[in-house]
Amino acid sequence: MAKLIVTTRKGETHTLEAPTGSSVMEVIRDSSISDILALCGGACACATCHVHIATEFAGILPPMSADEDGLLEGSSHRDTRSRLSCQIRMTDSLSGLRVTIAEED
């Protein structure tokens, strides 16, 4: 099982167990961290699961889809490390992935 390291909006850091194949959003939501709303349930339709990826992981994530890019365009907190956590599936190679939950729009 992979590890996911999440920093909340309050600056609290949590190390979570992340089953292979689960989305980062699912892992965060299932851990009861309330900063992720995930209003669309992971369908890449709302951008309420916006996170910032640690720089060292940016190059190993799958490319961003046009839908994800379009949703992130509407965020005033988007930066070069922005991703939707529902679009990142955990793998063994992503163990140790560090994300920070973006400010709410």
PDB file of N, CA and C in Angstrom:
ATOM      1  N   MET A   1       0.849  -1.173   0.000  1.00  0.00           N
ATOM      2  CA  MET A   1       0.000   0.000   0.000  1.00  0.00           C
ATOM      3  C   MET A   1       0.897   1.240   0.000  1.00  0.00           C
ATOM      4  N   ALA A   2       0.517   2.216  -0.803  1.00  0.00           N
ATOM      5  CA  ALA A   2       1.288   3.452  -0.919  1.00  0.00           C
ATOM      6  C   ALA A   2       0.962   4.405   0.234  1.00  0.00           C
ATOM      7  N   LYS A   3       1.827   5.382   0.416  1.00  0.00           N
ATOM      8  CA  LYS A   3       1.620   6.435   1.408  1.00  0.00           C
ATOM      9  C   LYS A   3       1.310   7.736   0.678  1.00  0.00           C
ATOM     10  N   LEU A   4       0.400   8.504   1.250  1.00  0.00           N
ATOM     11  CA  LEU A   4       0.043   9.825   0.748  1.00  0.00           C
ATOM     12  C   LEU A   4       0.207  10.796   1.905  1.00  0.00           C
ATOM     13  N   ILE A   5       0.941  11.877   1.681  1.00  0.00           N
ATOM     14  CA  ILE A   5       1.170  12.876   2.720  1.00  0.00           C
ATOM     15  C   ILE A   5       0.386  14.133   2.344  1.00  0.00           C
ATOM     16  N   VAL A   6      -0.558  14.504   3.200  1.00  0.00           N
ATOM     17  CA  VAL A   6      -1.494  15.589   2.914  1.00  0.00           C
ATOM     18  C   VAL A   6      -1.314  16.704   3.930  1.00  0.00           C
ATOM     19  N   THR A   7      -1.191  17.939   3.413  1.00  0.00           N
ATOM     20  CA  THR A   7      -1.188  19.110   4.280  1.00  0.00           C
ATOM     21  C   THR A   7      -2.515  19.823   4.092  1.00  0.00           C
ATOM     22  N   THR A   8      -3.212  20.051   5.194  1.00  0.00           N
ATOM     23  CA  THR A   8      -4.528  20.687   5.135  1.00  0.00           C
ATOM     24  C   THR A   8      -4.377  22.197   5.014  1.00  0.00           C
ATOM     25  N   ARG A   9      -5.513  22.863   4.861  1.00  0.00           N
ATOM     26  CA  ARG A   9      -5.514  24.326   4.798  1.00  0.00           C
ATOM     27  C   ARG A   9      -5.048  24.962   6.098  1.00  0.00           C
ATOM     28  N   LYS A  10      -5.165  24.253   7.193  1.00  0.00           N
ATOM     29  CA  LYS A  10      -4.704  24.762   8.495  1.00  0.00           C
ATOM     30  C   LYS A  10      -3.223  24.474   8.737  1.00  0.00           C
ATOM     31  N   GLY A  11      -2.581  23.796   7.786  1.00  0.00           N
ATOM     32  CA  GLY A  11      -1.164  23.479   7.924  1.00  0.00           C
ATOM     33  C   GLY A  11      -0.870  22.180   8.637  1.00  0.00           C
ATOM     34  N   GLU A  12      -1.911  21.399   8.943  1.00  0.00           N
ATOM     35  CA  GLU A  12      -1.720  20.095   9.583  1.00  0.00           C
ATOM     36  C   GLU A  12      -1.297  19.078   8.531  1.00  0.00           C
ATOM     37  N   THR A  13      -0.347  18.226   8.874  1.00  0.00           N
ATOM     38  CA  THR A  13       0.135  17.215   7.950  1.00  0.00           C
ATOM     39  C   THR A  13      -0.303  15.838   8.420  1.00  0.00           C
ATOM     40  N   HIS A  14      -0.823  15.041   7.483  1.00  0.00           N
ATOM     41  CA  HIS A  14      -1.307  13.690   7.766  1.00  0.00           C
ATOM     42  C   HIS A  14      -0.649  12.722   6.785  1.00  0.00           C
ATOM     43  N   THR A  15      -0.186  11.594   7.273  1.00  0.00           N
ATOM     44  CA  THR A  15       0.310  10.521   6.416  1.00  0.00           C
ATOM     45  C   THR A  15      -0.772   9.463   6.364  1.00  0.00           C
ATOM     46  N   LEU A  16      -1.243   9.188   5.142  1.00  0.00           N
ATOM     47  CA  LEU A  16      -2.389   8.291   4.950  1.00  0.00           C
ATOM     48  C   LEU A  16      -1.982   7.054   4.163  1.00  0.00           C
ATOM     49  N   GLU A  17      -2.639   5.938   4.455  1.00  0.00           N
ATOM     50  CA  GLU A  17      -2.497   4.721   3.650  1.00  0.00           C
ATOM     51  C   GLU A  17      -3.331   4.910   2.389  1.00  0.00           C
ATOM     52  N   ALA A  18      -2.729   4.638   1.236  1.00  0.00           N
ATOM     53  CA  ALA A  18      -3.404   4.878  -0.041  1.00  0.00           C
ATOM     54  C   ALA A  18      -3.417   3.607  -0.879  1.00  0.00           C
ATOM     55  N   PRO A  19      -4.551   2.927  -0.938  1.00  0.00           N
ATOM     56  CA  PRO A  19      -4.619   1.699  -1.742  1.00  0.00           C
ATOM     57  C   PRO A  19      -4.311   1.987  -3.213  1.00  0.00           C
ATOM     58  N   THR A  20      -3.546   1.109  -3.830  1.00  0.00           N
ATOM     59  CA  THR A  20      -3.237   1.240  -5.239  1.00  0.00           C
ATOM     60  C   THR A  20      -4.530   1.287  -6.051  1.00  0.00           C
ATOM     61  N   GLY A  21      -4.598   2.233  -6.965  1.00  0.00           N
ATOM     62  CA  GLY A  21      -5.775   2.380  -7.819  1.00  0.00           C
ATOM     63  C   GLY A  21      -6.791   3.381  -7.310  1.00  0.00           C
ATOM     64  N   SER A  22      -6.707   3.742  -6.038  1.00  0.00           N
ATOM     65  CA  SER A  22      -7.641   4.737  -5.514  1.00  0.00           C
ATOM     66  C   SER A  22      -7.167   6.125  -5.913  1.00  0.00           C
ATOM     67  N   SER A  23      -8.108   7.058  -6.014  1.00  0.00           N
ATOM     68  CA  SER A  23      -7.709   8.426  -6.340  1.00  0.00           C
ATOM     69  C   SER A  23      -7.236   9.130  -5.070  1.00  0.00           C
ATOM     70  N   VAL A  24      -6.414  10.131  -5.259  1.00  0.00           N
ATOM     71  CA  VAL A  24      -5.955  10.934  -4.128  1.00  0.00           C
ATOM     72  C   VAL A  24      -7.163  11.525  -3.406  1.00  0.00           C
ATOM     73  N   MET A  25      -8.162  11.966  -4.160  1.00  0.00           N
ATOM     74  CA  MET A  25      -9.383  12.525  -3.571  1.00  0.00           C
ATOM     75  C   MET A  25     -10.072  11.510  -2.679  1.00  0.00           C
ATOM     76  N   GLU A  26     -10.199  10.268  -3.122  1.00  0.00           N
ATOM     77  CA  GLU A  26     -10.855   9.231  -2.330  1.00  0.00           C
ATOM     78  C   GLU A  26     -10.101   8.974  -1.031  1.00  0.00           C
ATOM     79  N   VAL A  27      -8.782   8.928  -1.107  1.00  0.00           N
ATOM     80  CA  VAL A  27      -7.972   8.674   0.082  1.00  0.00           C
ATOM     81  C   VAL A  27      -8.171   9.796   1.095  1.00  0.00           C
ATOM     82  N   ILE A  28      -8.138  11.049   0.623  1.00  0.00           N
ATOM     83  CA  ILE A  28      -8.317  12.188   1.528  1.00  0.00           C
ATOM     84  C   ILE A  28      -9.729  12.180   2.114  1.00  0.00           C
ATOM     85  N   ARG A  29     -10.726  12.019   1.266  1.00  0.00           N
ATOM     86  CA  ARG A  29     -12.122  12.020   1.724  1.00  0.00           C
ATOM     87  C   ARG A  29     -12.378  10.912   2.738  1.00  0.00           C
ATOM     88  N   ASP A  30     -11.863   9.724   2.457  1.00  0.00           N
ATOM     89  CA  ASP A  30     -12.093   8.580   3.338  1.00  0.00           C
ATOM     90  C   ASP A  30     -11.358   8.697   4.676  1.00  0.00           C
ATOM     91  N   SER A  31     -10.398   9.603   4.748  1.00  0.00           N
ATOM     92  CA  SER A  31      -9.670   9.805   6.005  1.00  0.00           C
ATOM     93  C   SER A  31     -10.360  10.823   6.899  1.00  0.00           C
ATOM     94  N   SER A  32     -11.464  11.360   6.446  1.00  0.00           N
ATOM     95  CA  SER A  32     -12.252  12.347   7.192  1.00  0.00           C
ATOM     96  C   SER A  32     -11.615  13.730   7.262  1.00  0.00           C
ATOM     97  N   ILE A  33     -10.673  14.022   6.357  1.00  0.00           N
ATOM     98  CA  ILE A  33     -10.170  15.387   6.238  1.00  0.00           C
ATOM     99  C   ILE A  33     -11.248  16.165   5.500  1.00  0.00           C
ATOM    100  N   SER A  34     -11.787  17.178   6.143  1.00  0.00           N
ATOM    101  CA  SER A  34     -12.974  17.856   5.609  1.00  0.00           C
ATOM    102  C   SER A  34     -12.675  18.972   4.613  1.00  0.00           C
ATOM    103  N   ASP A  35     -11.401  19.240   4.312  1.00  0.00           N
ATOM    104  CA  ASP A  35     -11.061  20.314   3.378  1.00  0.00           C
ATOM    105  C   ASP A  35     -11.428  19.990   1.932  1.00  0.00           C
ATOM    106  N   ILE A  36     -11.560  18.733   1.608  1.00  0.00           N
ATOM    107  CA  ILE A  36     -11.903  18.312   0.240  1.00  0.00           C
ATOM    108  C   ILE A  36     -13.410  18.091   0.183  1.00  0.00           C
ATOM    109  N   LEU A  37     -14.087  18.905  -0.622  1.00  0.00           N
ATOM    110  CA  LEU A  37     -15.545  18.756  -0.739  1.00  0.00           C
ATOM    111  C   LEU A  37     -15.930  17.649  -1.711  1.00  0.00           C
ATOM    112  N   ALA A  38     -15.228  17.564  -2.850  1.00  0.00           N
ATOM    113  CA  ALA A  38     -15.507  16.528  -3.857  1.00  0.00           C
ATOM    114  C   ALA A  38     -16.993  16.465  -4.200  1.00  0.00           C
ATOM    115  N   LEU A  39     -17.553  17.606  -4.513  1.00  0.00           N
ATOM    116  CA  LEU A  39     -18.998  17.688  -4.770  1.00  0.00           C
ATOM    117  C   LEU A  39     -19.465  16.790  -5.908  1.00  0.00           C
ATOM    118  N   CYS A  40     -18.617  16.577  -6.913  1.00  0.00           N
ATOM    119  CA  CYS A  40     -19.035  15.748  -8.053  1.00  0.00           C
ATOM    120  C   CYS A  40     -18.716  14.271  -7.851  1.00  0.00           C
ATOM    121  N   GLY A  41     -18.099  13.937  -6.712  1.00  0.00           N
ATOM    122  CA  GLY A  41     -17.796  12.538  -6.421  1.00  0.00           C
ATOM    123  C   GLY A  41     -16.631  11.965  -7.203  1.00  0.00           C
ATOM    124  N   GLY A  42     -15.836  12.826  -7.822  1.00  0.00           N
ATOM    125  CA  GLY A  42     -14.668  12.349  -8.565  1.00  0.00           C
ATOM    126  C   GLY A  42     -14.875  12.264 -10.054  1.00  0.00           C
ATOM    127  N   ALA A  43     -15.889  12.930 -10.580  1.00  0.00           N
ATOM    128  CA  ALA A  43     -16.203  12.868 -12.014  1.00  0.00           C
ATOM    129  C   ALA A  43     -15.507  13.949 -12.839  1.00  0.00           C
ATOM    130  N   CYS A  44     -14.576  14.675 -12.243  1.00  0.00           N
ATOM    131  CA  CYS A  44     -13.860  15.764 -12.927  1.00  0.00           C
ATOM    132  C   CYS A  44     -14.851  16.790 -13.461  1.00  0.00           C
ATOM    133  N   ALA A  45     -15.747  17.243 -12.559  1.00  0.00           N
ATOM    134  CA  ALA A  45     -16.793  18.170 -12.979  1.00  0.00           C
ATOM    135  C   ALA A  45     -16.955  19.375 -12.060  1.00  0.00           C
ATOM    136  N   CYS A  46     -16.125  19.510 -11.007  1.00  0.00           N
ATOM    137  CA  CYS A  46     -16.401  20.617 -10.076  1.00  0.00           C
ATOM    138  C   CYS A  46     -15.169  21.363  -9.566  1.00  0.00           C
ATOM    139  N   ALA A  47     -14.023  20.774  -9.530  1.00  0.00           N
ATOM    140  CA  ALA A  47     -12.770  21.376  -9.051  1.00  0.00           C
ATOM    141  C   ALA A  47     -12.741  21.639  -7.543  1.00  0.00           C
ATOM    142  N   THR A  48     -13.606  20.997  -6.765  1.00  0.00           N
ATOM    143  CA  THR A  48     -13.582  21.185  -5.308  1.00  0.00           C
ATOM    144  C   THR A  48     -12.596  20.235  -4.620  1.00  0.00           C
ATOM    145  N   CYS A  49     -11.762  19.578  -5.395  1.00  0.00           N
ATOM    146  CA  CYS A  49     -10.724  18.706  -4.848  1.00  0.00           C
ATOM    147  C   CYS A  49      -9.333  19.177  -5.282  1.00  0.00           C
ATOM    148  N   HIS A  50      -9.204  20.458  -5.531  1.00  0.00           N
ATOM    149  CA  HIS A  50      -7.964  21.088  -5.993  1.00  0.00           C
ATOM    150  C   HIS A  50      -6.863  20.929  -4.951  1.00  0.00           C
ATOM    151  N   VAL A  51      -5.703  20.442  -5.402  1.00  0.00           N
ATOM    152  CA  VAL A  51      -4.522  20.320  -4.547  1.00  0.00           C
ATOM    153  C   VAL A  51      -3.304  20.864  -5.280  1.00  0.00           C
ATOM    154  N   HIS A  52      -2.257  21.128  -4.515  1.00  0.00           N
ATOM    155  CA  HIS A  52      -0.960  21.504  -5.067  1.00  0.00           C
ATOM    156  C   HIS A  52      -0.019  20.333  -4.816  1.00  0.00           C
ATOM    157  N   ILE A  53       0.598  19.859  -5.876  1.00  0.00           N
ATOM    158  CA  ILE A  53       1.492  18.702  -5.823  1.00  0.00           C
ATOM    159  C   ILE A  53       2.907  19.162  -5.470  1.00  0.00           C
ATOM    160  N   ALA A  54       3.606  18.404  -4.640  1.00  0.00           N
ATOM    161  CA  ALA A  54       5.006  18.704  -4.352  1.00  0.00           C
ATOM    162  C   ALA A  54       5.797  18.660  -5.661  1.00  0.00           C
ATOM    163  N   THR A  55       6.686  19.600  -5.826  1.00  0.00           N
ATOM    164  CA  THR A  55       7.450  19.773  -7.067  1.00  0.00           C
ATOM    165  C   THR A  55       8.102  18.482  -7.544  1.00  0.00           C
ATOM    166  N   GLU A  56       8.678  17.721  -6.636  1.00  0.00           N
ATOM    167  CA  GLU A  56       9.415  16.519  -7.046  1.00  0.00           C
ATOM    168  C   GLU A  56       8.523  15.431  -7.644  1.00  0.00           C
ATOM    169  N   PHE A  57       7.219  15.536  -7.495  1.00  0.00           N
ATOM    170  CA  PHE A  57       6.309  14.538  -8.066  1.00  0.00           C
ATOM    171  C   PHE A  57       5.673  14.996  -9.377  1.00  0.00           C
ATOM    172  N   ALA A  58       5.805  16.260  -9.714  1.00  0.00           N
ATOM    173  CA  ALA A  58       5.131  16.804 -10.898  1.00  0.00           C
ATOM    174  C   ALA A  58       5.499  16.054 -12.174  1.00  0.00           C
ATOM    175  N   GLY A  59       6.739  15.652 -12.307  1.00  0.00           N
ATOM    176  CA  GLY A  59       7.190  14.984 -13.531  1.00  0.00           C
ATOM    177  C   GLY A  59       6.774  13.537 -13.673  1.00  0.00           C
ATOM    178  N   ILE A  60       6.283  12.913 -12.612  1.00  0.00           N
ATOM    179  CA  ILE A  60       5.910  11.499 -12.715  1.00  0.00           C
ATOM    180  C   ILE A  60       4.404  11.279 -12.732  1.00  0.00           C
ATOM    181  N   LEU A  61       3.639  12.352 -12.605  1.00  0.00           N
ATOM    182  CA  LEU A  61       2.181  12.214 -12.680  1.00  0.00           C
ATOM    183  C   LEU A  61       1.742  12.103 -14.131  1.00  0.00           C
ATOM    184  N   PRO A  62       0.615  11.443 -14.368  1.00  0.00           N
ATOM    185  CA  PRO A  62       0.096  11.422 -15.729  1.00  0.00           C
ATOM    186  C   PRO A  62      -0.259  12.840 -16.167  1.00  0.00           C
ATOM    187  N   PRO A  63      -0.225  13.105 -17.467  1.00  0.00           N
ATOM    188  CA  PRO A  63      -0.544  14.456 -17.936  1.00  0.00           C
ATOM    189  C   PRO A  63      -1.966  14.870 -17.567  1.00  0.00           C
ATOM    190  N   MET A  64      -2.151  16.162 -17.442  1.00  0.00           N
ATOM    191  CA  MET A  64      -3.461  16.727 -17.136  1.00  0.00           C
ATOM    192  C   MET A  64      -4.345  16.661 -18.391  1.00  0.00           C
ATOM    193  N   SER A  65      -5.591  16.264 -18.194  1.00  0.00           N
ATOM    194  CA  SER A  65      -6.529  16.224 -19.325  1.00  0.00           C
ATOM    195  C   SER A  65      -7.036  17.638 -19.626  1.00  0.00           C
ATOM    196  N   ALA A  66      -7.615  17.816 -20.783  1.00  0.00           N
ATOM    197  CA  ALA A  66      -8.202  19.114 -21.152  1.00  0.00           C
ATOM    198  C   ALA A  66      -9.329  19.481 -20.199  1.00  0.00           C
ATOM    199  N   ASP A  67     -10.118  18.509 -19.762  1.00  0.00           N
ATOM    200  CA  ASP A  67     -11.211  18.779 -18.821  1.00  0.00           C
ATOM    201  C   ASP A  67     -10.667  19.282 -17.487  1.00  0.00           C
ATOM    202  N   GLU A  68      -9.643  18.617 -16.982  1.00  0.00           N
ATOM    203  CA  GLU A  68      -9.042  19.032 -15.717  1.00  0.00           C
ATOM    204  C   GLU A  68      -8.451  20.440 -15.846  1.00  0.00           C
ATOM    205  N   ASP A  69      -7.740  20.678 -16.932  1.00  0.00           N
ATOM    206  CA  ASP A  69      -7.146  21.990 -17.171  1.00  0.00           C
ATOM    207  C   ASP A  69      -8.220  23.078 -17.222  1.00  0.00           C
ATOM    208  N   GLY A  70      -9.322  22.791 -17.903  1.00  0.00           N
ATOM    209  CA  GLY A  70     -10.412  23.754 -18.006  1.00  0.00           C
ATOM    210  C   GLY A  70     -11.043  24.081 -16.659  1.00  0.00           C
ATOM    211  N   LEU A  71     -11.219  23.072 -15.827  1.00  0.00           N
ATOM    212  CA  LEU A  71     -11.791  23.307 -14.493  1.00  0.00           C
ATOM    213  C   LEU A  71     -10.849  24.128 -13.615  1.00  0.00           C
ATOM    214  N   LEU A  72      -9.571  23.848 -13.710  1.00  0.00           N
ATOM    215  CA  LEU A  72      -8.604  24.591 -12.905  1.00  0.00           C
ATOM    216  C   LEU A  72      -8.453  26.037 -13.363  1.00  0.00           C
ATOM    217  N   GLU A  73      -8.782  26.315 -14.622  1.00  0.00           N
ATOM    218  CA  GLU A  73      -8.727  27.697 -15.130  1.00  0.00           C
ATOM    219  C   GLU A  73      -9.585  28.634 -14.292  1.00  0.00           C
ATOM    220  N   GLY A  74     -10.663  28.140 -13.728  1.00  0.00           N
ATOM    221  CA  GLY A  74     -11.573  28.966 -12.952  1.00  0.00           C
ATOM    222  C   GLY A  74     -11.132  29.220 -11.517  1.00  0.00           C
ATOM    223  N   SER A  75      -9.989  28.662 -11.111  1.00  0.00           N
ATOM    224  CA  SER A  75      -9.526  28.830  -9.726  1.00  0.00           C
ATOM    225  C   SER A  75      -8.578  30.016  -9.612  1.00  0.00           C
ATOM    226  N   SER A  76      -8.821  30.848  -8.640  1.00  0.00           N
ATOM    227  CA  SER A  76      -7.908  31.963  -8.383  1.00  0.00           C
ATOM    228  C   SER A  76      -6.668  31.491  -7.611  1.00  0.00           C
ATOM    229  N   HIS A  77      -6.628  30.215  -7.240  1.00  0.00           N
ATOM    230  CA  HIS A  77      -5.501  29.663  -6.486  1.00  0.00           C
ATOM    231  C   HIS A  77      -4.666  28.702  -7.333  1.00  0.00           C
ATOM    232  N   ARG A  78      -4.902  28.683  -8.643  1.00  0.00           N
ATOM    233  CA  ARG A  78      -4.153  27.791  -9.522  1.00  0.00           C
ATOM    234  C   ARG A  78      -2.708  28.268  -9.630  1.00  0.00           C
ATOM    235  N   ASP A  79      -1.806  27.284  -9.639  1.00  0.00           N
ATOM    236  CA  ASP A  79      -0.406  27.560  -9.941  1.00  0.00           C
ATOM    237  C   ASP A  79       0.142  26.398 -10.762  1.00  0.00           C
ATOM    238  N   THR A  80       1.432  26.382 -10.999  1.00  0.00           N
ATOM    239  CA  THR A  80       2.031  25.359 -11.863  1.00  0.00           C
ATOM    240  C   THR A  80       1.973  23.965 -11.255  1.00  0.00           C
ATOM    241  N   ARG A  81       1.683  23.859  -9.961  1.00  0.00           N
ATOM    242  CA  ARG A  81       1.601  22.560  -9.282  1.00  0.00           C
ATOM    243  C   ARG A  81       0.164  22.115  -9.037  1.00  0.00           C
ATOM    244  N   SER A  82      -0.801  22.834  -9.587  1.00  0.00           N
ATOM    245  CA  SER A  82      -2.218  22.522  -9.351  1.00  0.00           C
ATOM    246  C   SER A  82      -2.662  21.284 -10.104  1.00  0.00           C
ATOM    247  N   ARG A  83      -3.433  20.472  -9.410  1.00  0.00           N
ATOM    248  CA  ARG A  83      -4.095  19.308 -10.005  1.00  0.00           C
ATOM    249  C   ARG A  83      -5.407  19.081  -9.270  1.00  0.00           C
ATOM    250  N   LEU A  84      -6.298  18.334  -9.918  1.00  0.00           N
ATOM    251  CA  LEU A  84      -7.513  17.870  -9.251  1.00  0.00           C
ATOM    252  C   LEU A  84      -7.194  16.499  -8.665  1.00  0.00           C
ATOM    253  N   SER A  85      -7.404  16.352  -7.373  1.00  0.00           N
ATOM    254  CA  SER A  85      -7.019  15.103  -6.712  1.00  0.00           C
ATOM    255  C   SER A  85      -7.836  13.906  -7.188  1.00  0.00           C
ATOM    256  N   CYS A  86      -9.002  14.152  -7.763  1.00  0.00           N
ATOM    257  CA  CYS A  86      -9.804  13.039  -8.287  1.00  0.00           C
ATOM    258  C   CYS A  86      -9.192  12.429  -9.551  1.00  0.00           C
ATOM    259  N   GLN A  87      -8.257  13.131 -10.169  1.00  0.00           N
ATOM    260  CA  GLN A  87      -7.669  12.679 -11.420  1.00  0.00           C
ATOM    261  C   GLN A  87      -6.310  12.008 -11.246  1.00  0.00           C
ATOM    262  N   ILE A  88      -5.878  11.842 -10.001  1.00  0.00           N
ATOM    263  CA  ILE A  88      -4.592  11.200  -9.737  1.00  0.00           C
ATOM    264  C   ILE A  88      -4.851   9.878  -9.038  1.00  0.00           C
ATOM    265  N   ARG A  89      -4.495   8.796  -9.696  1.00  0.00           N
ATOM    266  CA  ARG A  89      -4.653   7.447  -9.131  1.00  0.00           C
ATOM    267  C   ARG A  89      -3.343   7.030  -8.476  1.00  0.00           C
ATOM    268  N   MET A  90      -3.440   6.525  -7.268  1.00  0.00           N
ATOM    269  CA  MET A  90      -2.257   6.106  -6.523  1.00  0.00           C
ATOM    270  C   MET A  90      -1.662   4.830  -7.120  1.00  0.00           C
ATOM    271  N   THR A  91      -0.360   4.827  -7.217  1.00  0.00           N
ATOM    272  CA  THR A  91       0.414   3.674  -7.660  1.00  0.00           C
ATOM    273  C   THR A  91       1.586   3.517  -6.690  1.00  0.00           C
ATOM    274  N   ASP A  92       2.263   2.390  -6.767  1.00  0.00           N
ATOM    275  CA  ASP A  92       3.436   2.193  -5.916  1.00  0.00           C
ATOM    276  C   ASP A  92       4.491   3.256  -6.198  1.00  0.00           C
ATOM    277  N   SER A  93       4.618   3.685  -7.459  1.00  0.00           N
ATOM    278  CA  SER A  93       5.631   4.698  -7.797  1.00  0.00           C
ATOM    279  C   SER A  93       5.289   6.070  -7.226  1.00  0.00           C
ATOM    280  N   LEU A  94       4.040   6.283  -6.827  1.00  0.00           N
ATOM    281  CA  LEU A  94       3.642   7.550  -6.211  1.00  0.00           C
ATOM    282  C   LEU A  94       3.664   7.508  -4.691  1.00  0.00           C
ATOM    283  N   SER A  95       4.110   6.398  -4.113  1.00  0.00           N
ATOM    284  CA  SER A  95       4.164   6.312  -2.651  1.00  0.00           C
ATOM    285  C   SER A  95       5.043   7.433  -2.113  1.00  0.00           C
ATOM    286  N   GLY A  96       4.523   8.140  -1.116  1.00  0.00           N
ATOM    287  CA  GLY A  96       5.217   9.296  -0.562  1.00  0.00           C
ATOM    288  C   GLY A  96       4.777  10.604  -1.193  1.00  0.00           C
ATOM    289  N   LEU A  97       3.819  10.527  -2.123  1.00  0.00           N
ATOM    290  CA  LEU A  97       3.304  11.734  -2.772  1.00  0.00           C
ATOM    291  C   LEU A  97       2.864  12.731  -1.717  1.00  0.00           C
ATOM    292  N   ARG A  98       3.297  13.989  -1.869  1.00  0.00           N
ATOM    293  CA  ARG A  98       2.929  15.050  -0.953  1.00  0.00           C
ATOM    294  C   ARG A  98       2.032  16.047  -1.679  1.00  0.00           C
ATOM    295  N   VAL A  99       0.881  16.320  -1.095  1.00  0.00           N
ATOM    296  CA  VAL A  99      -0.049  17.298  -1.649  1.00  0.00           C
ATOM    297  C   VAL A  99      -0.475  18.261  -0.558  1.00  0.00           C
ATOM    298  N   THR A 100      -0.771  19.478  -0.983  1.00  0.00           N
ATOM    299  CA  THR A 100      -1.326  20.494  -0.088  1.00  0.00           C
ATOM    300  C   THR A 100      -2.688  20.870  -0.639  1.00  0.00           C
ATOM    301  N   ILE A 101      -3.691  20.846   0.192  1.00  0.00           N
ATOM    302  CA  ILE A 101      -5.051  21.176  -0.251  1.00  0.00           C
ATOM    303  C   ILE A 101      -5.112  22.672  -0.535  1.00  0.00           C
ATOM    304  N   ALA A 102      -5.595  23.011  -1.734  1.00  0.00           N
ATOM    305  CA  ALA A 102      -5.666  24.403  -2.162  1.00  0.00           C
ATOM    306  C   ALA A 102      -6.739  25.151  -1.385  1.00  0.00           C
ATOM    307  N   GLU A 103      -6.552  26.450  -1.309  1.00  0.00           N
ATOM    308  CA  GLU A 103      -7.577  27.305  -0.702  1.00  0.00           C
ATOM    309  C   GLU A 103      -8.870  27.173  -1.483  1.00  0.00           C
ATOM    310  N   GLU A 104      -9.979  27.322  -0.799  1.00  0.00           N
ATOM    311  CA  GLU A 104     -11.285  27.201  -1.429  1.00  0.00           C
ATOM    312  C   GLU A 104     -11.587  28.464  -2.236  1.00  0.00           C
ATOM    313  N   ASP A 105     -12.155  28.264  -3.434  1.00  0.00           N
ATOM    314  CA  ASP A 105     -12.572  29.400  -4.283  1.00  0.00           C
ATOM    315  C   ASP A 105     -13.928  29.865  -3.900  1.00  0.00           C
TER     316      ASP A 105
END
